[in-house]
Amino acid sequence: MCLQYEIKPDHIVSTHSPQAFHFANTMINRMHTHLAKREKLFAAMLPRDNPNYGLDKHWLCCYPYESSVNAGQGIGLDIARRVH
């Protein structure tokens, strides 16, 4: 978010949007305020120094990602952990 303040791009291109778009400064300020509030809330809830440790959806991965088993049947899984 801070780069938005520094660079002040005329247009932003995203793979999630079919057209380039622009955020007005008021919208950037509002997003920055909301993100700062969320960071404080997550920091209070998560047992780490930095809330990013709890917000990284890829910090722990299970392989295979999806499996089918019957009740009582065992299965082998590999777990990969990303260390920050």
Foldseek 3Di string as FASTA:
>chain_A
DVVCVVVVDPWDDDPVDPDTDHDDPVRVVVVVVVVVVVQVVQCVVDPDPGSVVVVPPVQKAKPPNDDDDDPPDDDDIDMDGDDD
